[in-house]
Amino acid sequence: MKKYLIVFLLFCFACVVYLLYPFNSNTHIVSKAHYVSIKDHTFKLNGKDFYPVAVNYKVSICGDKKNLWPCPCFAYTPEAMNTPLTRDSCLLQLRADLELIKEMGFNAVRIVGIGEEDINKKTGDLTLYARTGKQSDTTVAFTNGDSYKEYFNALGDLFTEVNKAGLKTIFLIRLSIDSKITDDHLKTIATRFRNDSSIMAYDFFNEPMYFDSLWSRQKIETKKITERWNNILKKAAPDHLSTIGLGSLREIFRWDP
């Protein structure tokens, strides 16, 4: 009887640890302190004040018939067009760039490109472009849960490299104000990476002054839109922050913190 009691207590202890300390994709225990949070109007990380110094960094997707992986934007290194687009070579380039960003004094990267999906006007599906060869593109369509598998692997590779470089990620995702499909997309991604502490925040919209009919919207409307997106994120990934990528001070009169 005593033996069964000990086993039961150990099982209960394991359950408590699992609930209190979520696991990331590498199955390491992650403390809440490892996430960037806001307390008393100040960013916090590992129990200390954290001042984000971020830079935009564009990431593309490469792949073959079976797999997808992240790669630096080809505009950064045009000569890369003439080199093999293997996963290992792309990750090495990515790692070198992120380490350089860290050495330059930044502690966060706003990742653009790889998370900015489009809506196919004919099918209504969400799509992303991937480079499969020299100047050869293909379309990745998110039609069901299985279609996310390789994309998640690519994002996992990206977030791992950001974390190894000692940086935090602000991940730009392109949400549509009038389409529910991108709301579901946000929920799917945020749920999958909810335990990844390398992610500081999700950026819901890039420069609405240029990419939205901003001046026709009232403040109360943009407030409701932002709350809708933020509620989705907080339910799916409560430890991650959210932001809007403002392009200028003029946008504050419509979109603000």
C-alpha atoms as a PDB file:
ATOM      1  CA  MET A   1       0.000   0.000   0.000  1.00  0.00           C
ATOM      2  CA  LYS A   2       2.841   2.345   0.883  1.00  0.00           C
ATOM      3  CA  LYS A   3       4.437   1.683  -2.514  1.00  0.00           C
ATOM      4  CA  TYR A   4       1.256   2.702  -4.368  1.00  0.00           C
ATOM      5  CA  LEU A   5       0.958   5.845  -2.242  1.00  0.00           C
ATOM      6  CA  ILE A   6       4.503   6.916  -3.154  1.00  0.00           C
ATOM      7  CA  VAL A   7       3.818   6.315  -6.850  1.00  0.00           C
ATOM      8  CA  PHE A   8       0.595   8.344  -6.587  1.00  0.00           C
ATOM      9  CA  LEU A   9       2.396  11.249  -4.876  1.00  0.00           C
ATOM     10  CA  LEU A  10       5.143  11.239  -7.519  1.00  0.00           C
ATOM     11  CA  PHE A  11       2.500  11.317 -10.239  1.00  0.00           C
ATOM     12  CA  CYS A  12       0.785  14.286  -8.585  1.00  0.00           C
ATOM     13  CA  PHE A  13       4.109  16.117  -8.282  1.00  0.00           C
ATOM     14  CA  ALA A  14       4.829  15.547 -11.980  1.00  0.00           C
ATOM     15  CA  CYS A  15       1.405  16.956 -12.894  1.00  0.00           C
ATOM     16  CA  VAL A  16       2.013  20.079 -10.821  1.00  0.00           C
ATOM     17  CA  VAL A  17       5.411  20.652 -12.474  1.00  0.00           C
ATOM     18  CA  TYR A  18       3.874  20.209 -15.917  1.00  0.00           C
ATOM     19  CA  LEU A  19       1.124  22.741 -15.231  1.00  0.00           C
ATOM     20  CA  LEU A  20       3.360  25.333 -13.610  1.00  0.00           C
ATOM     21  CA  TYR A  21       6.225  25.139 -16.086  1.00  0.00           C
ATOM     22  CA  PRO A  22       5.178  24.749 -19.730  1.00  0.00           C
ATOM     23  CA  PHE A  23       7.450  22.843 -22.098  1.00  0.00           C
ATOM     24  CA  ASN A  24       8.867  24.296 -25.284  1.00  0.00           C
ATOM     25  CA  SER A  25       9.535  22.413 -28.515  1.00  0.00           C
ATOM     26  CA  ASN A  26      12.869  21.188 -27.174  1.00  0.00           C
ATOM     27  CA  THR A  27      11.135  19.717 -24.093  1.00  0.00           C
ATOM     28  CA  HIS A  28      13.064  21.966 -21.702  1.00  0.00           C
ATOM     29  CA  ILE A  29      11.223  23.414 -18.725  1.00  0.00           C
ATOM     30  CA  VAL A  30      10.433  27.081 -19.320  1.00  0.00           C
ATOM     31  CA  SER A  31       9.835  29.475 -16.448  1.00  0.00           C
ATOM     32  CA  LYS A  32       7.344  32.324 -16.731  1.00  0.00           C
ATOM     33  CA  ALA A  33      10.264  34.661 -16.047  1.00  0.00           C
ATOM     34  CA  HIS A  34      11.821  33.696 -19.399  1.00  0.00           C
ATOM     35  CA  TYR A  35       8.998  35.451 -21.259  1.00  0.00           C
ATOM     36  CA  VAL A  36       9.145  39.195 -21.807  1.00  0.00           C
ATOM     37  CA  SER A  37       6.299  40.715 -19.789  1.00  0.00           C
ATOM     38  CA  ILE A  38       5.026  44.153 -18.795  1.00  0.00           C
ATOM     39  CA  LYS A  39       4.731  45.125 -15.140  1.00  0.00           C
ATOM     40  CA  ASP A  40       4.263  48.636 -13.743  1.00  0.00           C
ATOM     41  CA  HIS A  41       4.619  50.085 -17.276  1.00  0.00           C
ATOM     42  CA  THR A  42       8.045  48.420 -17.647  1.00  0.00           C
ATOM     43  CA  PHE A  43       9.207  45.459 -19.710  1.00  0.00           C
ATOM     44  CA  LYS A  44      10.524  42.627 -17.531  1.00  0.00           C
ATOM     45  CA  LEU A  45      12.686  39.618 -18.343  1.00  0.00           C
ATOM     46  CA  ASN A  46      14.049  37.105 -15.828  1.00  0.00           C
ATOM     47  CA  GLY A  47      12.939  39.344 -12.987  1.00  0.00           C
ATOM     48  CA  LYS A  48      14.844  42.383 -14.274  1.00  0.00           C
ATOM     49  CA  ASP A  49      13.975  45.470 -16.313  1.00  0.00           C
ATOM     50  CA  PHE A  50      14.248  44.839 -20.054  1.00  0.00           C
ATOM     51  CA  TYR A  51      14.593  47.604 -22.649  1.00  0.00           C
ATOM     52  CA  PRO A  52      13.813  46.235 -26.129  1.00  0.00           C
ATOM     53  CA  VAL A  53      16.198  47.412 -28.843  1.00  0.00           C
ATOM     54  CA  ALA A  54      14.856  45.834 -32.022  1.00  0.00           C
ATOM     55  CA  VAL A  55      15.651  45.846 -35.726  1.00  0.00           C
ATOM     56  CA  ASN A  56      13.586  44.642 -38.680  1.00  0.00           C
ATOM     57  CA  TYR A  57      14.925  41.455 -40.255  1.00  0.00           C
ATOM     58  CA  LYS A  58      13.303  39.879 -43.306  1.00  0.00           C
ATOM     59  CA  VAL A  59      13.098  36.091 -43.535  1.00  0.00           C
ATOM     60  CA  SER A  60      11.934  34.079 -46.550  1.00  0.00           C
ATOM     61  CA  ILE A  61      10.949  30.426 -46.911  1.00  0.00           C
ATOM     62  CA  CYS A  62      12.893  27.866 -48.907  1.00  0.00           C
ATOM     63  CA  GLY A  63      12.052  24.245 -49.502  1.00  0.00           C
ATOM     64  CA  ASP A  64      12.003  21.110 -51.576  1.00  0.00           C
ATOM     65  CA  LYS A  65       9.247  18.618 -52.343  1.00  0.00           C
ATOM     66  CA  LYS A  66       9.130  17.442 -48.718  1.00  0.00           C
ATOM     67  CA  ASN A  67      10.373  20.150 -46.349  1.00  0.00           C
ATOM     68  CA  LEU A  68      10.374  23.893 -45.708  1.00  0.00           C
ATOM     69  CA  TRP A  69      12.966  25.944 -43.858  1.00  0.00           C
ATOM     70  CA  PRO A  70      13.725  29.626 -43.150  1.00  0.00           C
ATOM     71  CA  CYS A  71      16.346  31.576 -45.066  1.00  0.00           C
ATOM     72  CA  PRO A  72      17.555  35.190 -45.079  1.00  0.00           C
ATOM     73  CA  CYS A  73      15.845  37.444 -47.594  1.00  0.00           C
ATOM     74  CA  PHE A  74      17.621  37.183 -50.962  1.00  0.00           C
ATOM     75  CA  ALA A  75      17.797  40.974 -51.180  1.00  0.00           C
ATOM     76  CA  TYR A  76      20.343  40.815 -48.341  1.00  0.00           C
ATOM     77  CA  THR A  77      22.680  38.511 -50.251  1.00  0.00           C
ATOM     78  CA  PRO A  78      21.955  38.498 -54.008  1.00  0.00           C
ATOM     79  CA  GLU A  79      24.828  36.058 -54.572  1.00  0.00           C
ATOM     80  CA  ALA A  80      22.815  33.459 -52.643  1.00  0.00           C
ATOM     81  CA  MET A  81      20.715  33.002 -55.772  1.00  0.00           C
ATOM     82  CA  ASN A  82      23.629  31.086 -57.272  1.00  0.00           C
ATOM     83  CA  THR A  83      24.238  28.798 -54.290  1.00  0.00           C
ATOM     84  CA  PRO A  84      22.442  25.605 -53.228  1.00  0.00           C
ATOM     85  CA  LEU A  85      19.357  26.319 -51.119  1.00  0.00           C
ATOM     86  CA  THR A  86      19.873  23.517 -48.621  1.00  0.00           C
ATOM     87  CA  ARG A  87      18.462  23.676 -45.128  1.00  0.00           C
ATOM     88  CA  ASP A  88      21.927  23.568 -43.564  1.00  0.00           C
ATOM     89  CA  SER A  89      23.341  26.369 -45.737  1.00  0.00           C
ATOM     90  CA  CYS A  90      20.306  28.605 -45.111  1.00  0.00           C
ATOM     91  CA  LEU A  91      20.429  28.063 -41.353  1.00  0.00           C
ATOM     92  CA  LEU A  92      24.150  28.889 -41.328  1.00  0.00           C
ATOM     93  CA  GLN A  93      23.484  32.192 -43.123  1.00  0.00           C
ATOM     94  CA  LEU A  94      20.594  32.914 -40.801  1.00  0.00           C
ATOM     95  CA  ARG A  95      22.716  32.143 -37.734  1.00  0.00           C
ATOM     96  CA  ALA A  96      25.517  34.427 -38.898  1.00  0.00           C
ATOM     97  CA  ASP A  97      23.098  37.330 -39.459  1.00  0.00           C
ATOM     98  CA  LEU A  98      21.409  36.916 -36.082  1.00  0.00           C
ATOM     99  CA  GLU A  99      24.727  36.691 -34.260  1.00  0.00           C
ATOM    100  CA  LEU A 100      25.851  39.883 -36.015  1.00  0.00           C
ATOM    101  CA  ILE A 101      22.625  41.614 -34.970  1.00  0.00           C
ATOM    102  CA  LYS A 102      23.316  40.594 -31.375  1.00  0.00           C
ATOM    103  CA  GLU A 103      26.922  41.821 -31.583  1.00  0.00           C
ATOM    104  CA  MET A 104      25.662  45.195 -32.860  1.00  0.00           C
ATOM    105  CA  GLY A 105      23.792  45.723 -29.595  1.00  0.00           C
ATOM    106  CA  PHE A 106      20.244  44.665 -30.460  1.00  0.00           C
ATOM    107  CA  ASN A 107      18.348  42.325 -28.158  1.00  0.00           C
ATOM    108  CA  ALA A 108      15.274  41.708 -30.336  1.00  0.00           C
ATOM    109  CA  VAL A 109      14.404  41.202 -33.998  1.00  0.00           C
ATOM    110  CA  ARG A 110      11.129  42.073 -35.666  1.00  0.00           C
ATOM    111  CA  ILE A 111      10.766  39.183 -38.101  1.00  0.00           C
ATOM    112  CA  VAL A 112       8.970  40.175 -41.304  1.00  0.00           C
ATOM    113  CA  GLY A 113       8.203  38.241 -44.472  1.00  0.00           C
ATOM    114  CA  ILE A 114       7.863  34.640 -43.338  1.00  0.00           C
ATOM    115  CA  GLY A 115       4.704  35.377 -41.347  1.00  0.00           C
ATOM    116  CA  GLU A 116       2.990  37.696 -43.845  1.00  0.00           C
ATOM    117  CA  GLU A 117       0.485  35.445 -45.583  1.00  0.00           C
ATOM    118  CA  ASP A 118      -1.829  36.402 -48.460  1.00  0.00           C
ATOM    119  CA  ILE A 119      -5.450  35.477 -49.162  1.00  0.00           C
ATOM    120  CA  ASN A 120      -6.017  33.787 -52.522  1.00  0.00           C
ATOM    121  CA  LYS A 121      -8.803  35.802 -54.160  1.00  0.00           C
ATOM    122  CA  LYS A 122     -10.103  32.770 -56.093  1.00  0.00           C
ATOM    123  CA  THR A 123     -10.047  30.057 -53.408  1.00  0.00           C
ATOM    124  CA  GLY A 124     -10.070  32.131 -50.216  1.00  0.00           C
ATOM    125  CA  ASP A 125      -7.160  30.081 -48.875  1.00  0.00           C
ATOM    126  CA  LEU A 126      -4.201  31.574 -47.018  1.00  0.00           C
ATOM    127  CA  THR A 127      -0.945  31.232 -48.943  1.00  0.00           C
ATOM    128  CA  LEU A 128       2.760  31.940 -48.630  1.00  0.00           C
ATOM    129  CA  TYR A 129       5.472  31.904 -51.264  1.00  0.00           C
ATOM    130  CA  ALA A 130       8.452  29.581 -50.897  1.00  0.00           C
ATOM    131  CA  ARG A 131      11.655  29.470 -52.952  1.00  0.00           C
ATOM    132  CA  THR A 132      12.268  25.925 -54.222  1.00  0.00           C
ATOM    133  CA  GLY A 133      15.179  26.546 -56.554  1.00  0.00           C
ATOM    134  CA  LYS A 134      17.090  29.301 -58.297  1.00  0.00           C
ATOM    135  CA  GLN A 135      14.472  31.983 -58.949  1.00  0.00           C
ATOM    136  CA  SER A 136      11.729  29.351 -58.721  1.00  0.00           C
ATOM    137  CA  ASP A 137       8.749  29.984 -56.463  1.00  0.00           C
ATOM    138  CA  THR A 138       5.893  27.809 -55.275  1.00  0.00           C
ATOM    139  CA  THR A 139       2.780  28.546 -53.239  1.00  0.00           C
ATOM    140  CA  VAL A 140       2.219  27.050 -49.814  1.00  0.00           C
ATOM    141  CA  ALA A 141      -1.498  26.916 -49.038  1.00  0.00           C
ATOM    142  CA  PHE A 142      -2.926  26.496 -45.541  1.00  0.00           C
ATOM    143  CA  THR A 143      -6.003  24.404 -46.273  1.00  0.00           C
ATOM    144  CA  ASN A 144      -6.123  22.204 -43.158  1.00  0.00           C
ATOM    145  CA  GLY A 145      -4.180  21.231 -40.036  1.00  0.00           C
ATOM    146  CA  ASP A 146      -1.774  18.960 -41.926  1.00  0.00           C
ATOM    147  CA  SER A 147      -0.747  21.768 -44.276  1.00  0.00           C
ATOM    148  CA  TYR A 148       0.760  23.641 -41.319  1.00  0.00           C
ATOM    149  CA  LYS A 149       3.189  20.862 -40.412  1.00  0.00           C
ATOM    150  CA  GLU A 150       6.169  21.864 -42.566  1.00  0.00           C
ATOM    151  CA  TYR A 151       5.521  25.568 -42.015  1.00  0.00           C
ATOM    152  CA  PHE A 152       5.667  25.001 -38.264  1.00  0.00           C
ATOM    153  CA  ASN A 153       8.972  23.175 -38.730  1.00  0.00           C
ATOM    154  CA  ALA A 154      10.343  26.203 -40.594  1.00  0.00           C
ATOM    155  CA  LEU A 155       9.168  28.596 -37.876  1.00  0.00           C
ATOM    156  CA  GLY A 156      10.592  26.277 -35.221  1.00  0.00           C
ATOM    157  CA  ASP A 157      13.996  26.415 -36.933  1.00  0.00           C
ATOM    158  CA  LEU A 158      13.775  30.205 -37.080  1.00  0.00           C
ATOM    159  CA  PHE A 159      12.800  30.699 -33.441  1.00  0.00           C
ATOM    160  CA  THR A 160      15.524  28.267 -32.341  1.00  0.00           C
ATOM    161  CA  GLU A 161      18.187  30.302 -34.153  1.00  0.00           C
ATOM    162  CA  VAL A 162      16.857  33.572 -32.701  1.00  0.00           C
ATOM    163  CA  ASN A 163      16.980  32.056 -29.228  1.00  0.00           C
ATOM    164  CA  LYS A 164      20.514  30.708 -29.713  1.00  0.00           C
ATOM    165  CA  ALA A 165      21.657  34.191 -30.727  1.00  0.00           C
ATOM    166  CA  GLY A 166      20.326  35.567 -27.436  1.00  0.00           C
ATOM    167  CA  LEU A 167      17.560  37.597 -29.080  1.00  0.00           C
ATOM    168  CA  LYS A 168      13.795  37.890 -28.678  1.00  0.00           C
ATOM    169  CA  THR A 169      11.328  37.718 -31.566  1.00  0.00           C
ATOM    170  CA  ILE A 170       8.622  40.190 -32.538  1.00  0.00           C
ATOM    171  CA  PHE A 171       6.751  38.175 -35.162  1.00  0.00           C
ATOM    172  CA  LEU A 172       4.839  40.088 -37.827  1.00  0.00           C
ATOM    173  CA  ILE A 173       1.689  38.297 -38.940  1.00  0.00           C
ATOM    174  CA  ARG A 174      -0.609  39.830 -41.584  1.00  0.00           C
ATOM    175  CA  LEU A 175      -4.152  39.937 -40.174  1.00  0.00           C
ATOM    176  CA  SER A 176      -7.150  40.917 -42.233  1.00  0.00           C
ATOM    177  CA  ILE A 177      -9.589  43.282 -40.572  1.00  0.00           C
ATOM    178  CA  ASP A 178     -12.562  41.902 -42.511  1.00  0.00           C
ATOM    179  CA  SER A 179     -11.690  38.197 -42.829  1.00  0.00           C
ATOM    180  CA  LYS A 180     -12.066  35.585 -40.082  1.00  0.00           C
ATOM    181  CA  ILE A 181      -9.630  33.220 -41.786  1.00  0.00           C
ATOM    182  CA  THR A 182      -6.630  35.223 -40.584  1.00  0.00           C
ATOM    183  CA  ASP A 183      -8.049  35.256 -37.045  1.00  0.00           C
ATOM    184  CA  ASP A 184      -8.021  31.452 -37.151  1.00  0.00           C
ATOM    185  CA  HIS A 185      -4.493  31.560 -38.573  1.00  0.00           C
ATOM    186  CA  LEU A 186      -3.302  33.672 -35.639  1.00  0.00           C
ATOM    187  CA  LYS A 187      -4.917  31.264 -33.187  1.00  0.00           C
ATOM    188  CA  THR A 188      -3.288  28.257 -34.878  1.00  0.00           C
ATOM    189  CA  ILE A 189       0.227  29.722 -34.826  1.00  0.00           C
ATOM    190  CA  ALA A 190      -0.026  31.226 -31.340  1.00  0.00           C
ATOM    191  CA  THR A 191      -1.322  27.940 -29.921  1.00  0.00           C
ATOM    192  CA  ARG A 192       1.487  25.953 -31.531  1.00  0.00           C
ATOM    193  CA  PHE A 193       4.222  28.232 -30.141  1.00  0.00           C
ATOM    194  CA  ARG A 194       2.594  29.264 -26.877  1.00  0.00           C
ATOM    195  CA  ASN A 195       5.434  27.667 -24.889  1.00  0.00           C
ATOM    196  CA  ASP A 196       8.245  29.286 -26.897  1.00  0.00           C
ATOM    197  CA  SER A 197       9.768  31.972 -24.685  1.00  0.00           C
ATOM    198  CA  SER A 198      11.970  33.270 -27.522  1.00  0.00           C
ATOM    199  CA  ILE A 199       8.842  35.026 -28.831  1.00  0.00           C
ATOM    200  CA  MET A 200       8.404  38.428 -27.229  1.00  0.00           C
ATOM    201  CA  ALA A 201       5.325  39.557 -29.150  1.00  0.00           C
ATOM    202  CA  TYR A 202       3.120  39.135 -32.198  1.00  0.00           C
ATOM    203  CA  ASP A 203       2.806  42.175 -34.450  1.00  0.00           C
ATOM    204  CA  PHE A 204      -0.781  42.180 -35.716  1.00  0.00           C
ATOM    205  CA  PHE A 205      -0.562  44.734 -38.517  1.00  0.00           C
ATOM    206  CA  ASN A 206       2.193  46.556 -40.347  1.00  0.00           C
ATOM    207  CA  GLU A 207       1.837  50.321 -40.892  1.00  0.00           C
ATOM    208  CA  PRO A 208      -1.972  50.614 -41.046  1.00  0.00           C
ATOM    209  CA  MET A 209      -1.605  54.184 -42.335  1.00  0.00           C
ATOM    210  CA  TYR A 210      -0.363  52.718 -45.632  1.00  0.00           C
ATOM    211  CA  PHE A 211      -2.034  49.297 -45.734  1.00  0.00           C
ATOM    212  CA  ASP A 212      -5.492  50.015 -44.337  1.00  0.00           C
ATOM    213  CA  SER A 213      -8.215  52.553 -45.079  1.00  0.00           C
ATOM    214  CA  LEU A 214      -7.101  54.149 -41.848  1.00  0.00           C
ATOM    215  CA  TRP A 215      -8.528  57.622 -42.216  1.00  0.00           C
ATOM    216  CA  SER A 216     -12.050  56.322 -42.816  1.00  0.00           C
ATOM    217  CA  ARG A 217     -12.068  54.493 -39.481  1.00  0.00           C
ATOM    218  CA  GLN A 218     -13.091  55.961 -36.165  1.00  0.00           C
ATOM    219  CA  LYS A 219     -11.020  55.383 -33.036  1.00  0.00           C
ATOM    220  CA  ILE A 220     -13.739  53.181 -31.524  1.00  0.00           C
ATOM    221  CA  GLU A 221     -13.602  50.892 -34.572  1.00  0.00           C
ATOM    222  CA  THR A 222      -9.852  50.377 -34.435  1.00  0.00           C
ATOM    223  CA  LYS A 223     -10.158  49.778 -30.695  1.00  0.00           C
ATOM    224  CA  LYS A 224     -12.629  46.933 -31.294  1.00  0.00           C
ATOM    225  CA  ILE A 225     -10.447  45.445 -34.037  1.00  0.00           C
ATOM    226  CA  THR A 226      -7.345  45.466 -31.867  1.00  0.00           C
ATOM    227  CA  GLU A 227      -9.235  44.005 -28.893  1.00  0.00           C
ATOM    228  CA  ARG A 228     -10.542  41.192 -31.115  1.00  0.00           C
ATOM    229  CA  TRP A 229      -7.052  40.203 -32.178  1.00  0.00           C
ATOM    230  CA  ASN A 230      -5.611  40.612 -28.707  1.00  0.00           C
ATOM    231  CA  ASN A 231      -8.312  38.420 -27.146  1.00  0.00           C
ATOM    232  CA  ILE A 232      -7.489  35.653 -29.620  1.00  0.00           C
ATOM    233  CA  LEU A 233      -3.803  35.855 -28.729  1.00  0.00           C
ATOM    234  CA  LYS A 234      -4.328  35.970 -24.968  1.00  0.00           C
ATOM    235  CA  LYS A 235      -6.514  32.856 -25.061  1.00  0.00           C
ATOM    236  CA  ALA A 236      -4.066  30.961 -27.267  1.00  0.00           C
ATOM    237  CA  ALA A 237      -0.753  32.227 -25.827  1.00  0.00           C
ATOM    238  CA  PRO A 238      -1.283  34.219 -22.620  1.00  0.00           C
ATOM    239  CA  ASP A 239       2.457  34.762 -22.023  1.00  0.00           C
ATOM    240  CA  HIS A 240       3.108  36.518 -25.330  1.00  0.00           C
ATOM    241  CA  LEU A 241       2.665  40.242 -25.903  1.00  0.00           C
ATOM    242  CA  SER A 242       1.089  42.029 -28.864  1.00  0.00           C
ATOM    243  CA  THR A 243       1.830  45.171 -30.842  1.00  0.00           C
ATOM    244  CA  ILE A 244       0.924  47.141 -33.967  1.00  0.00           C
ATOM    245  CA  GLY A 245       3.727  48.197 -36.322  1.00  0.00           C
ATOM    246  CA  LEU A 246       3.070  51.916 -36.642  1.00  0.00           C
ATOM    247  CA  GLY A 247       4.692  53.716 -39.548  1.00  0.00           C
ATOM    248  CA  SER A 248       4.563  57.264 -38.203  1.00  0.00           C
ATOM    249  CA  LEU A 249       3.292  59.388 -35.345  1.00  0.00           C
ATOM    250  CA  ARG A 250       0.188  60.338 -37.351  1.00  0.00           C
ATOM    251  CA  GLU A 251      -1.186  56.817 -36.906  1.00  0.00           C
ATOM    252  CA  ILE A 252      -1.437  57.287 -33.139  1.00  0.00           C
ATOM    253  CA  PHE A 253      -4.626  59.300 -33.700  1.00  0.00           C
ATOM    254  CA  ARG A 254      -6.272  56.073 -34.972  1.00  0.00           C
ATOM    255  CA  TRP A 255      -4.129  53.218 -33.634  1.00  0.00           C
ATOM    256  CA  ASP A 256      -2.384  53.555 -30.291  1.00  0.00           C
ATOM    257  CA  PRO A 257      -1.254  51.429 -27.313  1.00  0.00           C
END
